[in-house]
Amino acid sequence: MRLIAILLFAGAGFVHAADRHGGHGQAARAAPAAWTELPLIESAPGRDRRQATFRLSNLDAASVRAFAPGEQASLPEGVRFKADRQEWDILLNKGRFTLTSSGVGNYHWLLAREESPERVTVASTAHYFSNPGPAPTEMLAQPKSELEIVPAPLPREHNRYRANRTYRFDVRFQGAPLAGVPVSFTSSAGTRAEFVSDAAGRAEVRFPDDVQAGEAEGHGRRASNRFVLAVAHEAAGKSYLTAFNYSYAEDAYTNRSLAWGGGFMMLGGLVALPLIVRRKEANRG
């Protein structure tokens, strides 16, 4: 029931914004994503080592705020600093925008926001640039919106979220841990689940085994699903919805157990072969 309430909250916000804007203009909401009504920031075609293109779904925003790890560095034009952090706004063009490397690598954080007197809706995601850069620990710890769900931590370099594994996420409101709130999980494969944050505001999320095995996606990567985690909260007469989306790959051992089993069978056969030969020779004697 809690998961349904979160989805209804997202759907209501979508209809409200569509009525206000009529679907026109560069900042107008893009068509809802096929697999969820929750707000999303997802990769779009057109990425390389120094920049990546994204699209915004189910959210009405004119811009996206980007956050880079570490302190001052060589930054793209228009970047400004706030509290010694790198952050800047990127304007949307027909629901899309391009993130350019800020001069440092590692994870960057992206956040889009829609606000009215009654509600605040936030979509967030992360993007990894492979060039060297500081750890994103401090960037993730800094509050970036009233209600947040933040990985604790993000996967390490050359790693990914994977099916059949459990990962931690922090739920915060006004920078403080938010305990006992439901966290909804939705995958692009249609799997839905619900988790609850503990006393420290931390949710342990078990990723489902619903990734359809297939050919590698490129650069040696396995097939993957998209997912979104969402949290809803009310405070001082205002409703808040925050969502974090990313992707996860199939289990690292998927399709390997059979190969290992076959390998061990072959090895066992090779080990037993001399014994079989000796036994046959003994029988002949």
Protein backbone atom coordinates (compact mmCIF):
# COMPACT_ATOMS: atom_id res chain seq x y z
CA MET A 1 0.00 0.00 0.00
CA ARG A 2 2.84 2.39 0.76
CA LEU A 3 4.39 1.70 -2.64
CA ILE A 4 1.05 2.42 -4.31
CA ALA A 5 0.84 5.72 -2.39
CA ILE A 6 4.26 6.78 -3.69
CA LEU A 7 3.30 5.93 -7.27
CA LEU A 8 0.01 7.83 -6.91
CA PHE A 9 1.94 10.82 -5.57
CA ALA A 10 4.19 10.77 -8.63
CA GLY A 11 1.26 10.33 -11.00
CA ALA A 12 -0.63 13.23 -9.45
CA GLY A 13 2.38 15.50 -9.86
CA PHE A 14 2.69 14.48 -13.51
CA VAL A 15 -0.94 15.33 -14.30
CA HIS A 16 -0.74 18.61 -12.39
CA ALA A 17 2.29 19.82 -14.35
CA ALA A 18 0.91 18.64 -17.69
CA ASP A 19 -2.25 20.71 -17.11
CA ARG A 20 -0.19 23.77 -16.19
CA HIS A 21 2.16 23.69 -19.16
CA GLY A 22 0.18 21.92 -21.83
CA GLY A 23 3.34 20.12 -22.98
CA HIS A 24 4.84 23.14 -24.79
CA GLY A 25 8.20 24.88 -24.58
CA GLN A 26 11.74 23.69 -23.90
CA ALA A 27 11.10 23.27 -20.19
CA ALA A 28 7.89 21.27 -20.70
CA ARG A 29 7.78 17.78 -19.30
CA ALA A 30 8.85 15.00 -21.62
CA ALA A 31 6.52 12.06 -22.27
CA PRO A 32 6.36 9.72 -19.28
CA ALA A 33 8.86 6.89 -19.25
CA ALA A 34 7.40 3.59 -20.39
CA TRP A 35 8.43 1.68 -17.26
CA THR A 36 7.53 4.06 -14.41
CA GLU A 37 5.71 7.29 -13.57
CA LEU A 38 8.39 8.29 -11.08
CA PRO A 39 10.72 11.19 -11.97
CA LEU A 40 13.87 10.13 -13.82
CA ILE A 41 17.17 11.47 -15.16
CA GLU A 42 18.37 8.85 -17.64
CA SER A 43 21.22 8.49 -20.10
CA ALA A 44 20.48 9.24 -23.73
CA PRO A 45 22.56 8.54 -26.87
CA GLY A 46 25.52 10.84 -27.27
CA ARG A 47 28.08 10.13 -24.54
CA ASP A 48 31.88 10.06 -24.67
CA ARG A 49 34.74 10.26 -22.17
CA ARG A 50 34.27 13.99 -21.51
CA GLN A 51 30.51 14.45 -21.74
CA ALA A 52 27.22 12.57 -21.49
CA THR A 53 23.69 13.34 -22.67
CA PHE A 54 20.62 12.79 -20.49
CA ARG A 55 16.86 13.10 -20.75
CA LEU A 56 14.38 14.13 -18.08
CA SER A 57 11.11 12.20 -17.66
CA ASN A 58 8.05 12.74 -15.47
CA LEU A 59 9.29 16.04 -14.09
CA ASP A 60 8.79 19.67 -15.10
CA ALA A 61 12.06 21.56 -14.76
CA ALA A 62 13.89 24.23 -16.72
CA SER A 63 17.36 23.14 -15.62
CA VAL A 64 19.37 20.44 -13.88
CA ARG A 65 21.95 21.13 -11.20
CA ALA A 66 25.25 19.28 -11.49
CA PHE A 67 27.64 18.62 -8.59
CA ALA A 68 31.27 17.57 -8.97
CA PRO A 69 33.48 16.01 -6.29
CA GLY A 70 36.28 17.93 -4.61
CA GLU A 71 37.02 21.62 -4.37
CA GLN A 72 37.94 24.19 -6.99
CA ALA A 73 39.36 22.93 -10.28
CA SER A 74 39.36 24.01 -13.90
CA LEU A 75 35.65 24.32 -14.58
CA PRO A 76 33.51 24.78 -17.69
CA GLU A 77 32.13 28.21 -18.49
CA GLY A 78 29.27 29.22 -16.22
CA VAL A 79 30.32 27.12 -13.24
CA ARG A 80 30.01 28.79 -9.86
CA PHE A 81 30.98 27.73 -6.37
CA LYS A 82 28.86 27.34 -3.28
CA ALA A 83 30.38 26.49 0.09
CA ASP A 84 33.63 25.42 -1.60
CA ARG A 85 31.78 22.88 -3.71
CA GLN A 86 31.57 22.69 -7.47
CA GLU A 87 28.02 23.01 -8.70
CA TRP A 88 26.35 24.56 -11.72
CA ASP A 89 23.05 24.63 -13.57
CA ILE A 90 22.50 23.11 -17.02
CA LEU A 91 19.56 24.31 -19.10
CA LEU A 92 17.30 21.72 -20.70
CA ASN A 93 16.58 21.65 -24.41
CA LYS A 94 13.40 19.69 -25.24
CA GLY A 95 13.81 17.63 -22.10
CA ARG A 96 17.50 16.86 -22.72
CA PHE A 97 20.82 18.21 -21.50
CA THR A 98 24.53 17.45 -21.75
CA LEU A 99 26.86 17.06 -18.77
CA THR A 100 30.45 18.06 -19.52
CA SER A 101 33.34 16.97 -17.33
CA SER A 102 34.21 19.68 -14.80
CA GLY A 103 37.93 19.00 -15.12
CA VAL A 104 37.90 16.24 -12.53
CA GLY A 105 36.78 12.65 -12.84
CA ASN A 106 34.91 10.21 -10.63
CA TYR A 107 31.19 10.47 -9.89
CA HIS A 108 29.16 13.61 -10.59
CA TRP A 109 25.68 14.10 -9.12
CA LEU A 110 22.70 15.38 -11.14
CA LEU A 111 19.52 16.79 -9.61
CA ALA A 112 16.33 18.15 -11.17
CA ARG A 113 13.63 19.85 -9.11
CA GLU A 114 9.98 20.77 -9.52
CA GLU A 115 8.34 22.88 -6.83
CA SER A 116 4.93 24.35 -6.06
CA PRO A 117 3.45 25.74 -2.82
CA GLU A 118 2.08 22.26 -2.03
CA ARG A 119 4.81 19.88 -3.17
CA VAL A 120 8.47 19.40 -4.05
CA THR A 121 9.51 16.64 -6.47
CA VAL A 122 13.16 15.77 -7.06
CA ALA A 123 14.90 13.38 -9.47
CA SER A 124 18.57 12.51 -9.09
CA THR A 125 21.20 10.24 -10.58
CA ALA A 126 24.97 9.91 -10.80
CA HIS A 127 27.40 9.76 -13.70
CA TYR A 128 30.96 8.43 -13.64
CA PHE A 129 33.80 10.11 -15.57
CA SER A 130 36.77 7.77 -15.89
CA ASN A 131 39.51 10.40 -15.63
CA PRO A 132 41.13 10.76 -12.17
CA GLY A 133 39.24 12.68 -9.51
CA PRO A 134 38.61 12.90 -5.77
CA ALA A 135 36.26 10.52 -3.98
CA PRO A 136 32.60 11.63 -3.99
CA THR A 137 32.18 11.00 -0.23
CA GLU A 138 31.85 14.64 0.81
CA MET A 139 29.73 15.49 -2.22
CA LEU A 140 27.23 12.76 -1.33
CA ALA A 141 27.18 13.80 2.34
CA GLN A 142 26.28 17.42 1.56
CA PRO A 143 22.50 18.12 1.53
CA LYS A 144 21.30 18.96 -1.99
CA SER A 145 17.53 18.97 -1.44
CA GLU A 146 15.11 18.76 1.49
CA LEU A 147 14.31 15.05 1.05
CA GLU A 148 17.08 12.81 -0.28
CA ILE A 149 17.89 9.18 -0.92
CA VAL A 150 21.64 8.78 -1.41
CA PRO A 151 23.82 5.72 -2.11
CA ALA A 152 26.04 4.80 0.83
CA PRO A 153 28.31 4.51 -1.05
CA LEU A 154 28.20 4.45 -4.86
CA PRO A 155 29.84 1.43 -6.55
CA ARG A 156 33.60 1.60 -6.85
CA GLU A 157 35.41 2.25 -10.13
CA HIS A 158 34.82 -0.46 -12.77
CA ASN A 159 32.11 -1.94 -10.56
CA ARG A 160 28.30 -1.83 -10.77
CA TYR A 161 25.18 -2.50 -8.81
CA ARG A 162 24.37 -6.17 -9.36
CA ALA A 163 21.39 -8.48 -9.01
CA ASN A 164 21.20 -10.75 -5.95
CA ARG A 165 23.19 -8.31 -3.82
CA THR A 166 22.22 -5.91 -1.05
CA TYR A 167 23.22 -2.23 -1.09
CA ARG A 168 22.80 0.56 1.46
CA PHE A 169 21.07 3.89 0.83
CA ASP A 170 20.69 6.82 3.23
CA VAL A 171 17.35 8.60 3.56
CA ARG A 172 17.58 12.17 4.85
CA PHE A 173 15.26 15.10 5.45
CA GLN A 174 16.73 18.55 6.01
CA GLY A 175 20.14 16.88 6.27
CA ALA A 176 19.12 14.56 9.14
CA PRO A 177 18.46 10.78 8.97
CA LEU A 178 14.82 9.91 8.35
CA ALA A 179 13.86 6.69 10.14
CA GLY A 180 10.98 4.32 9.55
CA VAL A 181 9.99 5.54 6.07
CA PRO A 182 9.18 3.20 3.15
CA VAL A 183 11.59 3.14 0.22
CA SER A 184 10.04 1.87 -3.01
CA PHE A 185 12.09 -0.03 -5.59
CA THR A 186 10.97 -0.28 -9.23
CA SER A 187 12.95 -1.91 -12.03
CA SER A 188 12.57 -1.57 -15.77
CA ALA A 189 11.81 -5.31 -15.79
CA GLY A 190 8.65 -4.63 -13.79
CA THR A 191 9.86 -5.79 -10.37
CA ARG A 192 8.56 -3.78 -7.43
CA ALA A 193 9.59 -4.04 -3.80
CA GLU A 194 9.52 -1.99 -0.62
CA PHE A 195 12.11 -1.47 2.08
CA VAL A 196 12.05 0.59 5.29
CA SER A 197 14.80 2.85 6.63
CA ASP A 198 16.18 1.92 10.04
CA ALA A 199 16.81 4.13 13.07
CA ALA A 200 19.87 5.63 11.34
CA GLY A 201 17.87 6.44 8.20
CA ARG A 202 19.56 3.66 6.26
CA ALA A 203 17.74 1.26 3.94
CA GLU A 204 19.20 -2.11 2.95
CA VAL A 205 18.03 -2.72 -0.63
CA ARG A 206 18.22 -6.19 -2.12
CA PHE A 207 18.43 -6.04 -5.90
CA PRO A 208 16.26 -8.65 -7.64
CA ASP A 209 17.45 -11.37 -9.97
CA ASP A 210 15.43 -10.09 -12.93
CA VAL A 211 18.11 -9.09 -15.43
CA GLN A 212 17.66 -11.06 -18.63
CA ALA A 213 21.02 -12.49 -19.60
CA GLY A 214 22.23 -11.46 -23.01
CA GLU A 215 25.21 -10.26 -24.93
CA ALA A 216 27.55 -7.77 -23.30
CA GLU A 217 26.55 -4.13 -23.74
CA GLY A 218 30.02 -3.04 -24.76
CA HIS A 219 33.34 -2.49 -22.99
CA GLY A 220 32.91 -5.95 -21.48
CA ARG A 221 29.75 -5.02 -19.57
CA ARG A 222 26.90 -7.41 -18.95
CA ALA A 223 23.22 -6.86 -19.63
CA SER A 224 21.51 -4.50 -17.18
CA ASN A 225 18.20 -3.10 -15.95
CA ARG A 226 17.28 0.41 -14.91
CA PHE A 227 15.93 1.04 -11.43
CA VAL A 228 14.50 3.88 -9.38
CA LEU A 229 14.27 4.24 -5.59
CA ALA A 230 11.67 6.67 -4.26
CA VAL A 231 10.69 8.13 -0.90
CA ALA A 232 7.68 10.31 -0.04
CA HIS A 233 7.37 12.48 3.09
CA GLU A 234 5.16 15.24 4.44
CA ALA A 235 6.25 18.07 6.71
CA ALA A 236 4.76 21.44 7.67
CA GLY A 237 1.83 20.95 5.32
CA LYS A 238 4.05 20.25 2.29
CA SER A 239 4.53 17.00 0.36
CA TYR A 240 7.94 15.83 -0.79
CA LEU A 241 8.93 13.11 -3.24
CA THR A 242 12.52 12.23 -4.07
CA ALA A 243 13.80 9.58 -6.47
CA PHE A 244 17.25 8.21 -7.33
CA ASN A 245 17.67 6.21 -10.53
CA TYR A 246 20.59 4.25 -11.94
CA SER A 247 21.19 0.77 -13.42
CA TYR A 248 22.25 -2.66 -12.21
CA ALA A 249 23.79 -5.61 -14.02
CA GLU A 250 23.08 -9.30 -13.84
CA ASP A 251 24.71 -11.30 -11.07
CA ALA A 252 28.46 -11.60 -11.65
CA TYR A 253 28.13 -15.38 -11.40
CA THR A 254 25.20 -15.73 -13.77
CA ASN A 255 26.04 -18.33 -16.45
CA ARG A 256 29.31 -19.03 -14.69
CA SER A 257 28.15 -21.81 -12.38
CA LEU A 258 27.40 -24.05 -15.37
CA ALA A 259 30.76 -23.27 -16.89
CA TRP A 260 32.52 -23.96 -13.59
CA GLY A 261 30.57 -27.18 -13.20
CA GLY A 262 31.53 -28.28 -16.68
CA GLY A 263 35.14 -27.40 -16.00
CA PHE A 264 35.22 -29.44 -12.83
CA MET A 265 33.63 -32.38 -14.63
CA MET A 266 36.30 -32.20 -17.32
CA LEU A 267 39.02 -31.93 -14.68
CA GLY A 268 37.57 -34.89 -12.81
CA GLY A 269 37.54 -36.89 -16.02
CA LEU A 270 41.18 -36.12 -16.70
CA VAL A 271 42.16 -37.10 -13.17
CA ALA A 272 40.22 -40.37 -13.36
CA LEU A 273 41.50 -41.31 -16.83
CA PRO A 274 44.82 -42.87 -15.68
CA LEU A 275 42.93 -44.95 -13.07
CA ILE A 276 40.56 -46.26 -15.72
CA VAL A 277 43.45 -47.15 -18.04
CA ARG A 278 45.27 -49.00 -15.22
CA ARG A 279 42.13 -50.89 -14.28
CA LYS A 280 41.64 -52.04 -17.87
CA GLU A 281 45.27 -53.16 -18.10
CA ALA A 282 44.92 -55.09 -14.84
CA ASN A 283 41.79 -56.82 -16.12
CA ARG A 284 43.61 -57.87 -19.26
CA GLY A 285 46.43 -59.31 -17.21
